[in-house]
Amino acid sequence: EGHELPASVPYRNHVAQARLGVSIEAHETFFRDLLG
């Protein structure tokens, strides 16, 4: 069976997230947890 795509997110949300200035450590922690 095919998988459903998640609902689209407005581009302005991506821009806002990028401008919030999440630290490198937060990104590393997120992806480390995500990828195992």
PDB file of N, CA and C in Angstrom:
ATOM      1  N   GLU A   1       0.835  -1.196   0.000  1.00  0.00           N
ATOM      2  CA  GLU A   1       0.000   0.000   0.000  1.00  0.00           C
ATOM      3  C   GLU A   1       0.870   1.246   0.000  1.00  0.00           C
ATOM      4  N   GLY A   2       0.384   2.304  -0.626  1.00  0.00           N
ATOM      5  CA  GLY A   2       1.107   3.574  -0.643  1.00  0.00           C
ATOM      6  C   GLY A   2       0.999   4.272   0.693  1.00  0.00           C
ATOM      7  N   HIS A   3       1.959   5.084   0.965  1.00  0.00           N
ATOM      8  CA  HIS A   3       1.949   5.849   2.210  1.00  0.00           C
ATOM      9  C   HIS A   3       1.346   7.224   1.958  1.00  0.00           C
ATOM     10  N   GLU A   4       0.652   7.724   2.958  1.00  0.00           N
ATOM     11  CA  GLU A   4       0.070   9.059   2.863  1.00  0.00           C
ATOM     12  C   GLU A   4       1.141  10.106   3.151  1.00  0.00           C
ATOM     13  N   LEU A   5       1.124  11.182   2.385  1.00  0.00           N
ATOM     14  CA  LEU A   5       2.033  12.292   2.650  1.00  0.00           C
ATOM     15  C   LEU A   5       1.486  13.123   3.805  1.00  0.00           C
ATOM     16  N   PRO A   6       2.378  13.697   4.614  1.00  0.00           N
ATOM     17  CA  PRO A   6       1.884  14.584   5.675  1.00  0.00           C
ATOM     18  C   PRO A   6       1.277  15.841   5.062  1.00  0.00           C
ATOM     19  N   ALA A   7       0.461  16.524   5.826  1.00  0.00           N
ATOM     20  CA  ALA A   7      -0.142  17.767   5.353  1.00  0.00           C
ATOM     21  C   ALA A   7       0.951  18.778   5.040  1.00  0.00           C
ATOM     22  N   SER A   8       0.735  19.578   4.010  1.00  0.00           N
ATOM     23  CA  SER A   8       1.736  20.578   3.644  1.00  0.00           C
ATOM     24  C   SER A   8       1.811  21.663   4.718  1.00  0.00           C
ATOM     25  N   VAL A   9       2.992  22.247   4.830  1.00  0.00           N
ATOM     26  CA  VAL A   9       3.222  23.313   5.801  1.00  0.00           C
ATOM     27  C   VAL A   9       3.497  24.594   5.021  1.00  0.00           C
ATOM     28  N   PRO A  10       2.867  25.704   5.406  1.00  0.00           N
ATOM     29  CA  PRO A  10       3.124  26.956   4.692  1.00  0.00           C
ATOM     30  C   PRO A  10       4.608  27.320   4.708  1.00  0.00           C
ATOM     31  N   TYR A  11       5.085  27.862   3.593  1.00  0.00           N
ATOM     32  CA  TYR A  11       6.497  28.241   3.475  1.00  0.00           C
ATOM     33  C   TYR A  11       6.905  29.220   4.566  1.00  0.00           C
ATOM     34  N   ARG A  12       5.970  30.100   4.962  1.00  0.00           N
ATOM     35  CA  ARG A  12       6.307  31.079   6.004  1.00  0.00           C
ATOM     36  C   ARG A  12       6.703  30.392   7.310  1.00  0.00           C
ATOM     37  N   ASN A  13       6.183  29.190   7.560  1.00  0.00           N
ATOM     38  CA  ASN A  13       6.577  28.461   8.767  1.00  0.00           C
ATOM     39  C   ASN A  13       8.039  28.037   8.686  1.00  0.00           C
ATOM     40  N   HIS A  14       8.478  27.607   7.495  1.00  0.00           N
ATOM     41  CA  HIS A  14       9.883  27.234   7.317  1.00  0.00           C
ATOM     42  C   HIS A  14      10.783  28.451   7.506  1.00  0.00           C
ATOM     43  N   VAL A  15      10.364  29.586   6.957  1.00  0.00           N
ATOM     44  CA  VAL A  15      11.149  30.814   7.089  1.00  0.00           C
ATOM     45  C   VAL A  15      11.243  31.215   8.560  1.00  0.00           C
ATOM     46  N   ALA A  16      10.128  31.173   9.251  1.00  0.00           N
ATOM     47  CA  ALA A  16      10.130  31.541  10.671  1.00  0.00           C
ATOM     48  C   ALA A  16      11.037  30.614  11.470  1.00  0.00           C
ATOM     49  N   GLN A  17      10.969  29.328  11.201  1.00  0.00           N
ATOM     50  CA  GLN A  17      11.808  28.359  11.906  1.00  0.00           C
ATOM     51  C   GLN A  17      13.282  28.656  11.650  1.00  0.00           C
ATOM     52  N   ALA A  18      13.631  28.939  10.412  1.00  0.00           N
ATOM     53  CA  ALA A  18      15.028  29.218  10.066  1.00  0.00           C
ATOM     54  C   ALA A  18      15.515  30.495  10.745  1.00  0.00           C
ATOM     55  N   ARG A  19      14.647  31.484  10.865  1.00  0.00           N
ATOM     56  CA  ARG A  19      15.055  32.776  11.443  1.00  0.00           C
ATOM     57  C   ARG A  19      15.104  32.755  12.962  1.00  0.00           C
ATOM     58  N   LEU A  20      14.554  31.728  13.590  1.00  0.00           N
ATOM     59  CA  LEU A  20      14.590  31.658  15.053  1.00  0.00           C
ATOM     60  C   LEU A  20      15.997  31.382  15.572  1.00  0.00           C
ATOM     61  N   GLY A  21      16.861  30.856  14.707  1.00  0.00           N
ATOM     62  CA  GLY A  21      18.248  30.655  15.098  1.00  0.00           C
ATOM     63  C   GLY A  21      18.450  29.481  16.043  1.00  0.00           C
ATOM     64  N   VAL A  22      17.951  28.323  15.684  1.00  0.00           N
ATOM     65  CA  VAL A  22      18.161  27.125  16.492  1.00  0.00           C
ATOM     66  C   VAL A  22      19.652  26.807  16.481  1.00  0.00           C
ATOM     67  N   SER A  23      20.184  26.464  17.640  1.00  0.00           N
ATOM     68  CA  SER A  23      21.623  26.220  17.757  1.00  0.00           C
ATOM     69  C   SER A  23      22.047  24.960  17.008  1.00  0.00           C
ATOM     70  N   ILE A  24      23.317  24.913  16.661  1.00  0.00           N
ATOM     71  CA  ILE A  24      23.886  23.735  16.003  1.00  0.00           C
ATOM     72  C   ILE A  24      23.711  22.517  16.906  1.00  0.00           C
ATOM     73  N   GLU A  25      23.904  22.702  18.201  1.00  0.00           N
ATOM     74  CA  GLU A  25      23.764  21.588  19.144  1.00  0.00           C
ATOM     75  C   GLU A  25      22.349  21.018  19.122  1.00  0.00           C
ATOM     76  N   ALA A  26      21.352  21.892  19.025  1.00  0.00           N
ATOM     77  CA  ALA A  26      19.966  21.420  18.971  1.00  0.00           C
ATOM     78  C   ALA A  26      19.722  20.604  17.708  1.00  0.00           C
ATOM     79  N   HIS A  27      20.275  21.054  16.574  1.00  0.00           N
ATOM     80  CA  HIS A  27      20.136  20.300  15.330  1.00  0.00           C
ATOM     81  C   HIS A  27      20.841  18.950  15.436  1.00  0.00           C
ATOM     82  N   GLU A  28      22.046  18.945  15.975  1.00  0.00           N
ATOM     83  CA  GLU A  28      22.800  17.697  16.108  1.00  0.00           C
ATOM     84  C   GLU A  28      22.065  16.712  17.004  1.00  0.00           C
ATOM     85  N   THR A  29      21.515  17.200  18.105  1.00  0.00           N
ATOM     86  CA  THR A  29      20.764  16.333  19.013  1.00  0.00           C
ATOM     87  C   THR A  29      19.532  15.764  18.322  1.00  0.00           C
ATOM     88  N   PHE A  30      18.789  16.624  17.613  1.00  0.00           N
ATOM     89  CA  PHE A  30      17.589  16.178  16.918  1.00  0.00           C
ATOM     90  C   PHE A  30      17.907  15.062  15.926  1.00  0.00           C
ATOM     91  N   PHE A  31      18.913  15.296  15.060  1.00  0.00           N
ATOM     92  CA  PHE A  31      19.216  14.308  14.031  1.00  0.00           C
ATOM     93  C   PHE A  31      19.873  13.062  14.605  1.00  0.00           C
ATOM     94  N   ARG A  32      20.651  13.211  15.666  1.00  0.00           N
ATOM     95  CA  ARG A  32      21.241  12.044  16.324  1.00  0.00           C
ATOM     96  C   ARG A  32      20.127  11.147  16.865  1.00  0.00           C
ATOM     97  N   ASP A  33      19.120  11.762  17.513  1.00  0.00           N
ATOM     98  CA  ASP A  33      17.989  10.994  18.039  1.00  0.00           C
ATOM     99  C   ASP A  33      17.158  10.397  16.907  1.00  0.00           C
ATOM    100  N   LEU A  34      16.960  11.159  15.842  1.00  0.00           N
ATOM    101  CA  LEU A  34      16.154  10.706  14.712  1.00  0.00           C
ATOM    102  C   LEU A  34      16.796   9.520  14.003  1.00  0.00           C
ATOM    103  N   LEU A  35      18.107   9.605  13.787  1.00  0.00           N
ATOM    104  CA  LEU A  35      18.805   8.590  12.997  1.00  0.00           C
ATOM    105  C   LEU A  35      19.391   7.459  13.827  1.00  0.00           C
ATOM    106  N   GLY A  36      19.390   7.622  15.130  1.00  0.00           N
ATOM    107  CA  GLY A  36      19.871   6.549  15.992  1.00  0.00           C
ATOM    108  C   GLY A  36      21.317   6.534  16.250  1.00  0.00           C
TER     109      GLY A  36
END
